[in-house]
Amino acid sequence: MTTTERIAALLPTGGDLAEMLENAALADSHGYEAINVTHIAARDSFSCIARLSGHVQHAALGTAVAPIYHRSPASMAQAAATVAEMTGGRFRLGLGTGHQVTMGGWHGQTIGKPVAEMREYVSVVRAVLDGTTPFEGSRWSTTFAFVGWAPRGEVPIHLAALSPGMLKLAGEIADGVLLWACPSSYVRDVVVPAVTEGRASVGKTLDRFTIAAAVPTSLDDESGVAQAGIRAELHRYFGLPYYRRMFERAGYGKDIAGYDSAADTDGQLAAISDEFLADLCAIGDEIDLAASIQRYRDAGANLPMITHVRGTVFDKAIAAAAPRTH
């Protein structure tokens, strides 16, 4: 019996559209299980997935992640059901809370109690997808129901999570968890135990539960371009409260202290240690990439999700990290 390594790709929704389509088709042709897209200050992720559905024939397609405060849960469920139909049932709805700086500045929304609000939001989305509305909640309520169109309760829901509380919630109510900027050691020491606890609280195991961890990946970096690119990417995350707490739990409090005490941006970038990058990334030749991705599998991430590193060529990484058959 042969088995194929599970692997996914995360594509940015900014930049050149043709390149995004080509990279998606390339990942699909190489046997990637899933192709996810970001939801940032660029193209709408649901619209991108609808477009990708014509270029990706086999892989699942998902949002990684759509913030819950930028759409009502009824609107989110409607969008999810629509792209689920367009993708022939291959859609995975990835949800996250986002951050107050973006949810407030972009959408005029306030994050209250993120774990409780995520629990309620997912309950409303599932009620709409299952056709069991109306729903009356503390923050969200709806009487929305599909008319002349069957509900789509089979859409898997994955949650972005960093804190133990949100990780436990993901284990309890979701079909998977999506991790961004989480070092492999954090996956092993915090993510897997917390998700396992959440699953156990509802009488479930990790069987069929997806732990998808983003792995910044670059092939054949010899000049430090990849390291500089990922430090530039991480710079803003070192300033966000959710990520700072996660980095500290992961054992990188010294990096945070150095970042905070730096006099300028260059000093802040330098504070992000080589040790942190080695724990987080897959950079080097094909052997290095395979070993780094395997490190995530060994830590408990059953779906490593390679991501682009600024300044590098992503299609080379997609091909080099392609799943292997055993």
C-alpha atoms as a PDB file:
ATOM      1  CA  MET A   1       0.000   0.000   0.000  1.00  0.00           C
ATOM      2  CA  THR A   2       1.370   3.408  -0.943  1.00  0.00           C
ATOM      3  CA  THR A   3       0.747   6.653   0.929  1.00  0.00           C
ATOM      4  CA  THR A   4       1.298  10.229  -0.171  1.00  0.00           C
ATOM      5  CA  GLU A   5       2.563  12.916   2.165  1.00  0.00           C
ATOM      6  CA  ARG A   6      -0.063  15.541   2.911  1.00  0.00           C
ATOM      7  CA  ILE A   7       0.918  19.098   2.051  1.00  0.00           C
ATOM      8  CA  ALA A   8      -0.857  22.369   1.257  1.00  0.00           C
ATOM      9  CA  ALA A   9       0.082  25.742  -0.198  1.00  0.00           C
ATOM     10  CA  LEU A  10      -0.953  29.211   0.935  1.00  0.00           C
ATOM     11  CA  LEU A  11      -1.125  31.813  -1.835  1.00  0.00           C
ATOM     12  CA  PRO A  12      -1.223  35.579  -1.303  1.00  0.00           C
ATOM     13  CA  THR A  13      -4.189  37.418  -2.822  1.00  0.00           C
ATOM     14  CA  GLY A  14      -2.045  40.419  -3.711  1.00  0.00           C
ATOM     15  CA  GLY A  15       0.434  40.790  -6.538  1.00  0.00           C
ATOM     16  CA  ASP A  16       0.030  39.537 -10.072  1.00  0.00           C
ATOM     17  CA  LEU A  17      -3.216  37.620 -10.658  1.00  0.00           C
ATOM     18  CA  ALA A  18      -1.765  35.499 -13.459  1.00  0.00           C
ATOM     19  CA  GLU A  19       1.064  34.398 -11.166  1.00  0.00           C
ATOM     20  CA  MET A  20      -1.405  33.365  -8.479  1.00  0.00           C
ATOM     21  CA  LEU A  21      -3.363  31.297 -10.993  1.00  0.00           C
ATOM     22  CA  GLU A  22      -0.181  29.690 -12.343  1.00  0.00           C
ATOM     23  CA  ASN A  23       1.089  28.813  -8.864  1.00  0.00           C
ATOM     24  CA  ALA A  24      -2.275  27.318  -7.934  1.00  0.00           C
ATOM     25  CA  ALA A  25      -2.328  25.182 -11.067  1.00  0.00           C
ATOM     26  CA  LEU A  26       1.302  24.153 -10.425  1.00  0.00           C
ATOM     27  CA  ALA A  27       0.535  23.053  -6.860  1.00  0.00           C
ATOM     28  CA  ASP A  28      -2.513  21.149  -8.082  1.00  0.00           C
ATOM     29  CA  SER A  29      -0.484  19.367 -10.751  1.00  0.00           C
ATOM     30  CA  HIS A  30       2.089  18.344  -8.136  1.00  0.00           C
ATOM     31  CA  GLY A  31      -0.529  16.690  -5.947  1.00  0.00           C
ATOM     32  CA  TYR A  32      -1.012  19.256  -3.194  1.00  0.00           C
ATOM     33  CA  GLU A  33      -3.993  18.355  -1.006  1.00  0.00           C
ATOM     34  CA  ALA A  34      -5.174  21.924  -0.472  1.00  0.00           C
ATOM     35  CA  ILE A  35      -4.574  25.395  -1.833  1.00  0.00           C
ATOM     36  CA  ASN A  36      -5.525  28.187   0.529  1.00  0.00           C
ATOM     37  CA  VAL A  37      -5.574  31.924  -0.070  1.00  0.00           C
ATOM     38  CA  THR A  38      -4.986  34.824   2.281  1.00  0.00           C
ATOM     39  CA  HIS A  39      -7.570  37.454   3.179  1.00  0.00           C
ATOM     40  CA  ILE A  40      -5.633  40.692   3.571  1.00  0.00           C
ATOM     41  CA  ALA A  41      -5.827  44.221   2.188  1.00  0.00           C
ATOM     42  CA  ALA A  42      -5.842  42.904  -1.362  1.00  0.00           C
ATOM     43  CA  ARG A  43      -8.281  40.830  -3.423  1.00  0.00           C
ATOM     44  CA  ASP A  44     -11.289  39.256  -1.712  1.00  0.00           C
ATOM     45  CA  SER A  45     -10.469  35.663  -0.823  1.00  0.00           C
ATOM     46  CA  PHE A  46     -13.868  34.225  -1.804  1.00  0.00           C
ATOM     47  CA  SER A  47     -13.700  35.859  -5.239  1.00  0.00           C
ATOM     48  CA  CYS A  48     -10.176  34.493  -5.703  1.00  0.00           C
ATOM     49  CA  ILE A  49     -11.314  30.973  -4.845  1.00  0.00           C
ATOM     50  CA  ALA A  50     -14.175  31.231  -7.331  1.00  0.00           C
ATOM     51  CA  ARG A  51     -11.624  32.172  -9.997  1.00  0.00           C
ATOM     52  CA  LEU A  52      -9.185  29.455  -8.936  1.00  0.00           C
ATOM     53  CA  SER A  53     -11.871  26.791  -9.184  1.00  0.00           C
ATOM     54  CA  GLY A  54     -11.425  26.801 -12.954  1.00  0.00           C
ATOM     55  CA  HIS A  55      -7.649  26.323 -12.682  1.00  0.00           C
ATOM     56  CA  VAL A  56      -7.478  23.810  -9.845  1.00  0.00           C
ATOM     57  CA  GLN A  57      -8.989  20.441 -10.673  1.00  0.00           C
ATOM     58  CA  HIS A  58      -8.217  18.281  -7.639  1.00  0.00           C
ATOM     59  CA  ALA A  59      -7.015  20.181  -4.570  1.00  0.00           C
ATOM     60  CA  ALA A  60      -9.315  21.565  -1.903  1.00  0.00           C
ATOM     61  CA  LEU A  61      -9.598  25.361  -1.806  1.00  0.00           C
ATOM     62  CA  GLY A  62      -9.911  27.418   1.353  1.00  0.00           C
ATOM     63  CA  THR A  63      -9.728  30.794   3.038  1.00  0.00           C
ATOM     64  CA  ALA A  64      -6.798  31.263   5.390  1.00  0.00           C
ATOM     65  CA  VAL A  65      -8.366  33.148   6.876  1.00  0.00           C
ATOM     66  CA  ALA A  66     -11.541  35.221   6.559  1.00  0.00           C
ATOM     67  CA  PRO A  67     -11.920  37.471   9.634  1.00  0.00           C
ATOM     68  CA  ILE A  68     -15.275  37.038  11.334  1.00  0.00           C
ATOM     69  CA  TYR A  69     -15.786  40.743  12.023  1.00  0.00           C
ATOM     70  CA  HIS A  70     -15.800  41.837   8.387  1.00  0.00           C
ATOM     71  CA  ARG A  71     -18.982  39.932   7.427  1.00  0.00           C
ATOM     72  CA  SER A  72     -22.081  38.971   9.317  1.00  0.00           C
ATOM     73  CA  PRO A  73     -22.215  35.207   9.949  1.00  0.00           C
ATOM     74  CA  ALA A  74     -25.194  34.910   7.578  1.00  0.00           C
ATOM     75  CA  SER A  75     -23.226  36.674   4.834  1.00  0.00           C
ATOM     76  CA  MET A  76     -20.194  34.477   5.567  1.00  0.00           C
ATOM     77  CA  ALA A  77     -22.305  31.331   5.308  1.00  0.00           C
ATOM     78  CA  GLN A  78     -23.859  32.535   2.060  1.00  0.00           C
ATOM     79  CA  ALA A  79     -20.439  33.201   0.529  1.00  0.00           C
ATOM     80  CA  ALA A  80     -19.133  29.849   1.765  1.00  0.00           C
ATOM     81  CA  ALA A  81     -22.082  27.935   0.357  1.00  0.00           C
ATOM     82  CA  THR A  82     -21.701  29.696  -2.991  1.00  0.00           C
ATOM     83  CA  VAL A  83     -18.016  28.896  -3.466  1.00  0.00           C
ATOM     84  CA  ALA A  84     -18.601  25.376  -2.136  1.00  0.00           C
ATOM     85  CA  GLU A  85     -20.944  24.819  -5.054  1.00  0.00           C
ATOM     86  CA  MET A  86     -18.539  26.461  -7.535  1.00  0.00           C
ATOM     87  CA  THR A  87     -15.677  24.233  -6.381  1.00  0.00           C
ATOM     88  CA  GLY A  88     -17.683  21.022  -6.513  1.00  0.00           C
ATOM     89  CA  GLY A  89     -17.640  20.626  -2.735  1.00  0.00           C
ATOM     90  CA  ARG A  90     -13.892  21.205  -2.355  1.00  0.00           C
ATOM     91  CA  PHE A  91     -14.193  24.395  -0.290  1.00  0.00           C
ATOM     92  CA  ARG A  92     -12.928  24.750   3.289  1.00  0.00           C
ATOM     93  CA  LEU A  93     -13.991  27.795   5.297  1.00  0.00           C
ATOM     94  CA  GLY A  94     -11.102  29.149   7.337  1.00  0.00           C
ATOM     95  CA  LEU A  95     -12.152  31.711   9.943  1.00  0.00           C
ATOM     96  CA  GLY A  96     -10.166  33.931  12.286  1.00  0.00           C
ATOM     97  CA  THR A  97     -10.711  36.890  14.577  1.00  0.00           C
ATOM     98  CA  GLY A  98      -8.151  39.191  12.987  1.00  0.00           C
ATOM     99  CA  HIS A  99      -6.633  41.945  15.130  1.00  0.00           C
ATOM    100  CA  GLN A 100      -8.160  45.027  16.690  1.00  0.00           C
ATOM    101  CA  VAL A 101      -5.905  47.363  14.703  1.00  0.00           C
ATOM    102  CA  THR A 102      -7.284  45.981  11.420  1.00  0.00           C
ATOM    103  CA  MET A 103     -10.827  45.126  12.463  1.00  0.00           C
ATOM    104  CA  GLY A 104     -11.210  48.597  13.939  1.00  0.00           C
ATOM    105  CA  GLY A 105      -9.347  50.546  11.274  1.00  0.00           C
ATOM    106  CA  TRP A 106     -10.635  48.652   8.257  1.00  0.00           C
ATOM    107  CA  HIS A 107     -14.134  47.672   9.311  1.00  0.00           C
ATOM    108  CA  GLY A 108     -15.048  49.796  12.319  1.00  0.00           C
ATOM    109  CA  GLN A 109     -15.576  46.700  14.442  1.00  0.00           C
ATOM    110  CA  THR A 110     -14.543  45.949  18.022  1.00  0.00           C
ATOM    111  CA  ILE A 111     -13.204  42.597  19.160  1.00  0.00           C
ATOM    112  CA  GLY A 112     -14.754  41.837  22.529  1.00  0.00           C
ATOM    113  CA  LYS A 113     -14.207  38.335  23.901  1.00  0.00           C
ATOM    114  CA  PRO A 114     -12.635  36.544  20.923  1.00  0.00           C
ATOM    115  CA  VAL A 115     -13.081  32.940  22.052  1.00  0.00           C
ATOM    116  CA  ALA A 116     -16.726  33.401  23.085  1.00  0.00           C
ATOM    117  CA  GLU A 117     -17.513  35.438  19.978  1.00  0.00           C
ATOM    118  CA  MET A 118     -15.873  32.885  17.703  1.00  0.00           C
ATOM    119  CA  ARG A 119     -17.899  30.116  19.318  1.00  0.00           C
ATOM    120  CA  GLU A 120     -21.133  32.001  18.693  1.00  0.00           C
ATOM    121  CA  TYR A 121     -20.139  33.050  15.172  1.00  0.00           C
ATOM    122  CA  VAL A 122     -19.400  29.468  14.125  1.00  0.00           C
ATOM    123  CA  SER A 123     -22.709  28.356  15.645  1.00  0.00           C
ATOM    124  CA  VAL A 124     -24.569  30.884  13.488  1.00  0.00           C
ATOM    125  CA  VAL A 125     -22.630  29.955  10.343  1.00  0.00           C
ATOM    126  CA  ARG A 126     -23.359  26.270  10.895  1.00  0.00           C
ATOM    127  CA  ALA A 127     -27.035  27.007  11.560  1.00  0.00           C
ATOM    128  CA  VAL A 128     -27.304  28.813   8.217  1.00  0.00           C
ATOM    129  CA  LEU A 129     -25.358  26.117   6.369  1.00  0.00           C
ATOM    130  CA  ASP A 130     -27.436  23.379   8.009  1.00  0.00           C
ATOM    131  CA  GLY A 131     -30.727  25.164   7.386  1.00  0.00           C
ATOM    132  CA  THR A 132     -31.568  25.290  11.108  1.00  0.00           C
ATOM    133  CA  THR A 133     -31.949  29.063  11.590  1.00  0.00           C
ATOM    134  CA  PRO A 134     -33.244  31.305  13.177  1.00  0.00           C
ATOM    135  CA  PHE A 135     -30.481  31.814  15.711  1.00  0.00           C
ATOM    136  CA  GLU A 136     -30.496  34.211  18.660  1.00  0.00           C
ATOM    137  CA  GLY A 137     -27.121  35.027  20.189  1.00  0.00           C
ATOM    138  CA  SER A 138     -25.394  37.605  22.367  1.00  0.00           C
ATOM    139  CA  ARG A 139     -23.574  39.383  19.534  1.00  0.00           C
ATOM    140  CA  TRP A 140     -24.984  37.790  16.388  1.00  0.00           C
ATOM    141  CA  SER A 141     -28.507  36.766  15.530  1.00  0.00           C
ATOM    142  CA  THR A 142     -30.154  35.908  12.222  1.00  0.00           C
ATOM    143  CA  THR A 143     -33.348  34.715  10.615  1.00  0.00           C
ATOM    144  CA  PHE A 144     -31.586  34.163   7.273  1.00  0.00           C
ATOM    145  CA  ALA A 145     -32.438  30.969   5.421  1.00  0.00           C
ATOM    146  CA  PHE A 146     -31.726  29.845   1.863  1.00  0.00           C
ATOM    147  CA  VAL A 147     -34.744  30.065  -0.433  1.00  0.00           C
ATOM    148  CA  GLY A 148     -34.914  27.930  -3.574  1.00  0.00           C
ATOM    149  CA  TRP A 149     -31.481  26.501  -2.870  1.00  0.00           C
ATOM    150  CA  ALA A 150     -30.451  23.608  -0.646  1.00  0.00           C
ATOM    151  CA  PRO A 151     -28.327  24.276   2.468  1.00  0.00           C
ATOM    152  CA  ARG A 152     -24.718  23.074   2.416  1.00  0.00           C
ATOM    153  CA  GLY A 153     -23.994  21.773   5.869  1.00  0.00           C
ATOM    154  CA  GLU A 154     -21.048  19.700   4.686  1.00  0.00           C
ATOM    155  CA  VAL A 155     -18.654  22.682   4.395  1.00  0.00           C
ATOM    156  CA  PRO A 156     -15.655  22.030   6.710  1.00  0.00           C
ATOM    157  CA  ILE A 157     -14.780  24.889   9.066  1.00  0.00           C
ATOM    158  CA  HIS A 158     -11.209  25.499  10.197  1.00  0.00           C
ATOM    159  CA  LEU A 159     -10.224  28.103  12.793  1.00  0.00           C
ATOM    160  CA  ALA A 160      -7.113  30.239  12.948  1.00  0.00           C
ATOM    161  CA  ALA A 161      -5.782  29.949  16.485  1.00  0.00           C
ATOM    162  CA  LEU A 162      -2.766  31.009  18.515  1.00  0.00           C
ATOM    163  CA  SER A 163      -3.768  31.021  22.190  1.00  0.00           C
ATOM    164  CA  PRO A 164      -4.510  27.846  24.166  1.00  0.00           C
ATOM    165  CA  GLY A 165      -8.125  28.994  24.592  1.00  0.00           C
ATOM    166  CA  MET A 166      -8.752  29.402  20.880  1.00  0.00           C
ATOM    167  CA  LEU A 167      -6.878  26.179  20.131  1.00  0.00           C
ATOM    168  CA  LYS A 168      -9.109  24.270  22.552  1.00  0.00           C
ATOM    169  CA  LEU A 169     -12.175  25.839  20.935  1.00  0.00           C
ATOM    170  CA  ALA A 170     -10.944  24.758  17.498  1.00  0.00           C
ATOM    171  CA  GLY A 171     -10.579  21.210  18.759  1.00  0.00           C
ATOM    172  CA  GLU A 172     -14.055  21.320  20.223  1.00  0.00           C
ATOM    173  CA  ILE A 173     -16.143  22.873  17.425  1.00  0.00           C
ATOM    174  CA  ALA A 174     -14.111  22.865  14.196  1.00  0.00           C
ATOM    175  CA  ASP A 175     -12.787  20.421  11.624  1.00  0.00           C
ATOM    176  CA  GLY A 176      -9.271  21.792  11.724  1.00  0.00           C
ATOM    177  CA  VAL A 177      -6.952  24.539  12.888  1.00  0.00           C
ATOM    178  CA  LEU A 178      -4.895  26.963  10.791  1.00  0.00           C
ATOM    179  CA  LEU A 179      -1.577  28.211  12.161  1.00  0.00           C
ATOM    180  CA  TRP A 180       0.408  31.212  10.968  1.00  0.00           C
ATOM    181  CA  ALA A 181       3.923  32.135  12.168  1.00  0.00           C
ATOM    182  CA  CYS A 182       3.865  29.292  14.711  1.00  0.00           C
ATOM    183  CA  PRO A 183       7.315  27.706  15.148  1.00  0.00           C
ATOM    184  CA  SER A 184       7.317  23.933  14.956  1.00  0.00           C
ATOM    185  CA  SER A 185       8.206  23.718  18.653  1.00  0.00           C
ATOM    186  CA  TYR A 186       5.020  25.638  19.491  1.00  0.00           C
ATOM    187  CA  VAL A 187       3.002  23.170  17.429  1.00  0.00           C
ATOM    188  CA  ARG A 188       4.470  20.313  19.461  1.00  0.00           C
ATOM    189  CA  ASP A 189       4.375  21.897  22.922  1.00  0.00           C
ATOM    190  CA  VAL A 190       1.188  23.992  22.842  1.00  0.00           C
ATOM    191  CA  VAL A 191      -0.970  23.411  19.755  1.00  0.00           C
ATOM    192  CA  VAL A 192      -1.305  19.632  19.829  1.00  0.00           C
ATOM    193  CA  PRO A 193      -1.981  19.368  23.600  1.00  0.00           C
ATOM    194  CA  ALA A 194      -4.561  22.189  23.524  1.00  0.00           C
ATOM    195  CA  VAL A 195      -6.379  20.874  20.450  1.00  0.00           C
ATOM    196  CA  THR A 196      -6.337  17.365  21.888  1.00  0.00           C
ATOM    197  CA  GLU A 197      -7.918  18.687  25.086  1.00  0.00           C
ATOM    198  CA  GLY A 198     -10.625  20.433  23.083  1.00  0.00           C
ATOM    199  CA  ARG A 199     -11.398  17.293  21.110  1.00  0.00           C
ATOM    200  CA  ALA A 200     -11.510  15.169  24.251  1.00  0.00           C
ATOM    201  CA  SER A 201     -14.006  17.559  25.867  1.00  0.00           C
ATOM    202  CA  VAL A 202     -16.578  16.523  23.253  1.00  0.00           C
ATOM    203  CA  GLY A 203     -15.567  12.862  23.130  1.00  0.00           C
ATOM    204  CA  LYS A 204     -13.438  13.111  19.978  1.00  0.00           C
ATOM    205  CA  THR A 205      -9.841  12.314  19.046  1.00  0.00           C
ATOM    206  CA  LEU A 206      -7.495  13.940  16.538  1.00  0.00           C
ATOM    207  CA  ASP A 207      -8.647  11.435  13.918  1.00  0.00           C
ATOM    208  CA  ARG A 208      -9.667  13.375  10.783  1.00  0.00           C
ATOM    209  CA  PHE A 209      -8.835  16.694  12.431  1.00  0.00           C
ATOM    210  CA  THR A 210      -6.545  18.916  10.352  1.00  0.00           C
ATOM    211  CA  ILE A 211      -3.630  20.798  11.900  1.00  0.00           C
ATOM    212  CA  ALA A 212      -2.406  23.009   9.050  1.00  0.00           C
ATOM    213  CA  ALA A 213       0.750  24.978   9.876  1.00  0.00           C
ATOM    214  CA  ALA A 214       2.175  27.651   7.598  1.00  0.00           C
ATOM    215  CA  VAL A 215       5.836  27.022   6.759  1.00  0.00           C
ATOM    216  CA  PRO A 216       7.629  29.929   5.023  1.00  0.00           C
ATOM    217  CA  THR A 217       9.520  28.086   2.301  1.00  0.00           C
ATOM    218  CA  SER A 218      12.327  29.081  -0.062  1.00  0.00           C
ATOM    219  CA  LEU A 219      14.500  26.902  -2.291  1.00  0.00           C
ATOM    220  CA  ASP A 220      18.233  27.423  -2.744  1.00  0.00           C
ATOM    221  CA  ASP A 221      18.770  30.598  -0.748  1.00  0.00           C
ATOM    222  CA  GLU A 222      22.477  31.461  -0.745  1.00  0.00           C
ATOM    223  CA  SER A 223      22.515  35.204  -0.275  1.00  0.00           C
ATOM    224  CA  GLY A 224      20.328  35.705   2.762  1.00  0.00           C
ATOM    225  CA  VAL A 225      17.435  36.933   0.635  1.00  0.00           C
ATOM    226  CA  ALA A 226      14.979  34.536   2.233  1.00  0.00           C
ATOM    227  CA  GLN A 227      16.082  35.370   5.772  1.00  0.00           C
ATOM    228  CA  ALA A 228      15.737  39.092   5.046  1.00  0.00           C
ATOM    229  CA  GLY A 229      12.364  38.518   3.412  1.00  0.00           C
ATOM    230  CA  ILE A 230      10.878  36.544   6.282  1.00  0.00           C
ATOM    231  CA  ARG A 231      12.235  38.992   8.864  1.00  0.00           C
ATOM    232  CA  ALA A 232      10.522  41.810   6.959  1.00  0.00           C
ATOM    233  CA  GLU A 233       7.299  39.774   6.949  1.00  0.00           C
ATOM    234  CA  LEU A 234       7.522  38.964  10.643  1.00  0.00           C
ATOM    235  CA  HIS A 235       8.288  42.544  11.648  1.00  0.00           C
ATOM    236  CA  ARG A 236       4.635  43.586  11.896  1.00  0.00           C
ATOM    237  CA  TYR A 237       3.666  40.411  13.758  1.00  0.00           C
ATOM    238  CA  PHE A 238       6.165  41.180  16.499  1.00  0.00           C
ATOM    239  CA  GLY A 239       4.060  44.292  17.124  1.00  0.00           C
ATOM    240  CA  LEU A 240       0.696  42.475  17.392  1.00  0.00           C
ATOM    241  CA  PRO A 241      -0.471  41.373  20.874  1.00  0.00           C
ATOM    242  CA  TYR A 242      -1.783  37.904  19.901  1.00  0.00           C
ATOM    243  CA  TYR A 243       1.443  36.991  18.152  1.00  0.00           C
ATOM    244  CA  ARG A 244       3.687  38.480  20.826  1.00  0.00           C
ATOM    245  CA  ARG A 245       2.054  36.263  23.449  1.00  0.00           C
ATOM    246  CA  MET A 246       2.437  33.249  21.192  1.00  0.00           C
ATOM    247  CA  PHE A 247       6.120  33.980  20.505  1.00  0.00           C
ATOM    248  CA  GLU A 248       6.707  34.306  24.242  1.00  0.00           C
ATOM    249  CA  ARG A 249       4.966  30.984  24.952  1.00  0.00           C
ATOM    250  CA  ALA A 250       7.147  29.442  22.237  1.00  0.00           C
ATOM    251  CA  GLY A 251      10.261  30.469  24.167  1.00  0.00           C
ATOM    252  CA  TYR A 252      11.263  33.521  22.154  1.00  0.00           C
ATOM    253  CA  GLY A 253      10.790  36.179  24.828  1.00  0.00           C
ATOM    254  CA  LYS A 254      14.388  37.286  24.240  1.00  0.00           C
ATOM    255  CA  ASP A 255      13.504  38.132  20.633  1.00  0.00           C
ATOM    256  CA  ILE A 256      10.531  40.208  21.802  1.00  0.00           C
ATOM    257  CA  ALA A 257      12.684  42.034  24.371  1.00  0.00           C
ATOM    258  CA  GLY A 258      15.277  42.807  21.721  1.00  0.00           C
ATOM    259  CA  TYR A 259      12.567  44.000  19.351  1.00  0.00           C
ATOM    260  CA  ASP A 260      11.100  46.302  22.019  1.00  0.00           C
ATOM    261  CA  SER A 261      14.453  47.787  23.012  1.00  0.00           C
ATOM    262  CA  ALA A 262      15.686  48.388  19.451  1.00  0.00           C
ATOM    263  CA  ALA A 263      16.218  51.989  18.425  1.00  0.00           C
ATOM    264  CA  ASP A 264      15.016  51.584  14.851  1.00  0.00           C
ATOM    265  CA  THR A 265      13.534  49.163  12.310  1.00  0.00           C
ATOM    266  CA  ASP A 266      16.908  47.664  11.453  1.00  0.00           C
ATOM    267  CA  GLY A 267      17.440  46.837  15.105  1.00  0.00           C
ATOM    268  CA  GLN A 268      13.977  45.306  15.386  1.00  0.00           C
ATOM    269  CA  LEU A 269      14.626  43.098  12.372  1.00  0.00           C
ATOM    270  CA  ALA A 270      17.979  42.004  13.783  1.00  0.00           C
ATOM    271  CA  ALA A 271      16.266  41.030  17.053  1.00  0.00           C
ATOM    272  CA  ILE A 272      14.386  38.241  15.242  1.00  0.00           C
ATOM    273  CA  SER A 273      16.909  35.504  15.843  1.00  0.00           C
ATOM    274  CA  ASP A 274      18.343  32.915  13.486  1.00  0.00           C
ATOM    275  CA  GLU A 275      17.082  30.319  15.984  1.00  0.00           C
ATOM    276  CA  PHE A 276      13.522  31.563  15.543  1.00  0.00           C
ATOM    277  CA  LEU A 277      13.806  31.454  11.739  1.00  0.00           C
ATOM    278  CA  ALA A 278      15.249  27.933  11.841  1.00  0.00           C
ATOM    279  CA  ASP A 279      12.313  26.809  14.021  1.00  0.00           C
ATOM    280  CA  LEU A 280       9.759  28.458  11.726  1.00  0.00           C
ATOM    281  CA  CYS A 281      10.987  28.184   8.146  1.00  0.00           C
ATOM    282  CA  ALA A 282      12.059  25.745   5.441  1.00  0.00           C
ATOM    283  CA  ILE A 283      14.979  27.387   3.632  1.00  0.00           C
ATOM    284  CA  GLY A 284      17.757  25.756   1.595  1.00  0.00           C
ATOM    285  CA  ASP A 285      18.099  22.941  -0.913  1.00  0.00           C
ATOM    286  CA  GLU A 286      15.545  20.171  -1.465  1.00  0.00           C
ATOM    287  CA  ILE A 287      16.998  18.075   1.353  1.00  0.00           C
ATOM    288  CA  ASP A 288      16.760  21.041   3.747  1.00  0.00           C
ATOM    289  CA  LEU A 289      13.160  21.712   2.699  1.00  0.00           C
ATOM    290  CA  ALA A 290      12.144  18.093   3.177  1.00  0.00           C
ATOM    291  CA  ALA A 291      13.761  17.973   6.623  1.00  0.00           C
ATOM    292  CA  SER A 292      12.145  21.221   7.760  1.00  0.00           C
ATOM    293  CA  ILE A 293       8.686  20.209   6.566  1.00  0.00           C
ATOM    294  CA  GLN A 294       9.125  16.818   8.232  1.00  0.00           C
ATOM    295  CA  ARG A 295       9.965  18.679  11.458  1.00  0.00           C
ATOM    296  CA  TYR A 296       6.438  20.095  11.394  1.00  0.00           C
ATOM    297  CA  ARG A 297       4.938  16.664  10.723  1.00  0.00           C
ATOM    298  CA  ASP A 298       6.893  15.234  13.641  1.00  0.00           C
ATOM    299  CA  ALA A 299       5.602  18.091  15.820  1.00  0.00           C
ATOM    300  CA  GLY A 300       2.010  17.096  15.007  1.00  0.00           C
ATOM    301  CA  ALA A 301       1.075  19.271  12.042  1.00  0.00           C
ATOM    302  CA  ASN A 302      -0.567  16.737   9.720  1.00  0.00           C
ATOM    303  CA  LEU A 303      -0.902  19.288   6.908  1.00  0.00           C
ATOM    304  CA  PRO A 304       2.183  21.512   6.515  1.00  0.00           C
ATOM    305  CA  MET A 305       1.231  24.540   4.413  1.00  0.00           C
ATOM    306  CA  ILE A 306       4.097  26.120   2.514  1.00  0.00           C
ATOM    307  CA  THR A 307       4.017  29.880   2.068  1.00  0.00           C
ATOM    308  CA  HIS A 308       5.886  32.387  -0.057  1.00  0.00           C
ATOM    309  CA  VAL A 309       8.896  34.238   1.329  1.00  0.00           C
ATOM    310  CA  ARG A 310       9.216  37.830   0.179  1.00  0.00           C
ATOM    311  CA  GLY A 311      11.887  38.315  -2.493  1.00  0.00           C
ATOM    312  CA  THR A 312      12.057  34.654  -3.513  1.00  0.00           C
ATOM    313  CA  VAL A 313      10.565  32.628  -6.378  1.00  0.00           C
ATOM    314  CA  PHE A 314       7.592  30.684  -5.053  1.00  0.00           C
ATOM    315  CA  ASP A 315       7.053  28.320  -7.973  1.00  0.00           C
ATOM    316  CA  LYS A 316      10.488  26.779  -7.338  1.00  0.00           C
ATOM    317  CA  ALA A 317       9.518  26.132  -3.734  1.00  0.00           C
ATOM    318  CA  ILE A 318       6.157  24.643  -4.755  1.00  0.00           C
ATOM    319  CA  ALA A 319       7.859  22.146  -7.030  1.00  0.00           C
ATOM    320  CA  ALA A 320      10.620  21.301  -4.558  1.00  0.00           C
ATOM    321  CA  ALA A 321       8.244  20.736  -1.631  1.00  0.00           C
ATOM    322  CA  ALA A 322       5.790  18.620  -3.631  1.00  0.00           C
ATOM    323  CA  PRO A 323       4.383  15.583  -1.790  1.00  0.00           C
ATOM    324  CA  ARG A 324       6.302  12.336  -2.068  1.00  0.00           C
ATOM    325  CA  THR A 325       4.759   8.894  -2.371  1.00  0.00           C
ATOM    326  CA  HIS A 326       5.977   6.104  -0.063  1.00  0.00           C
END
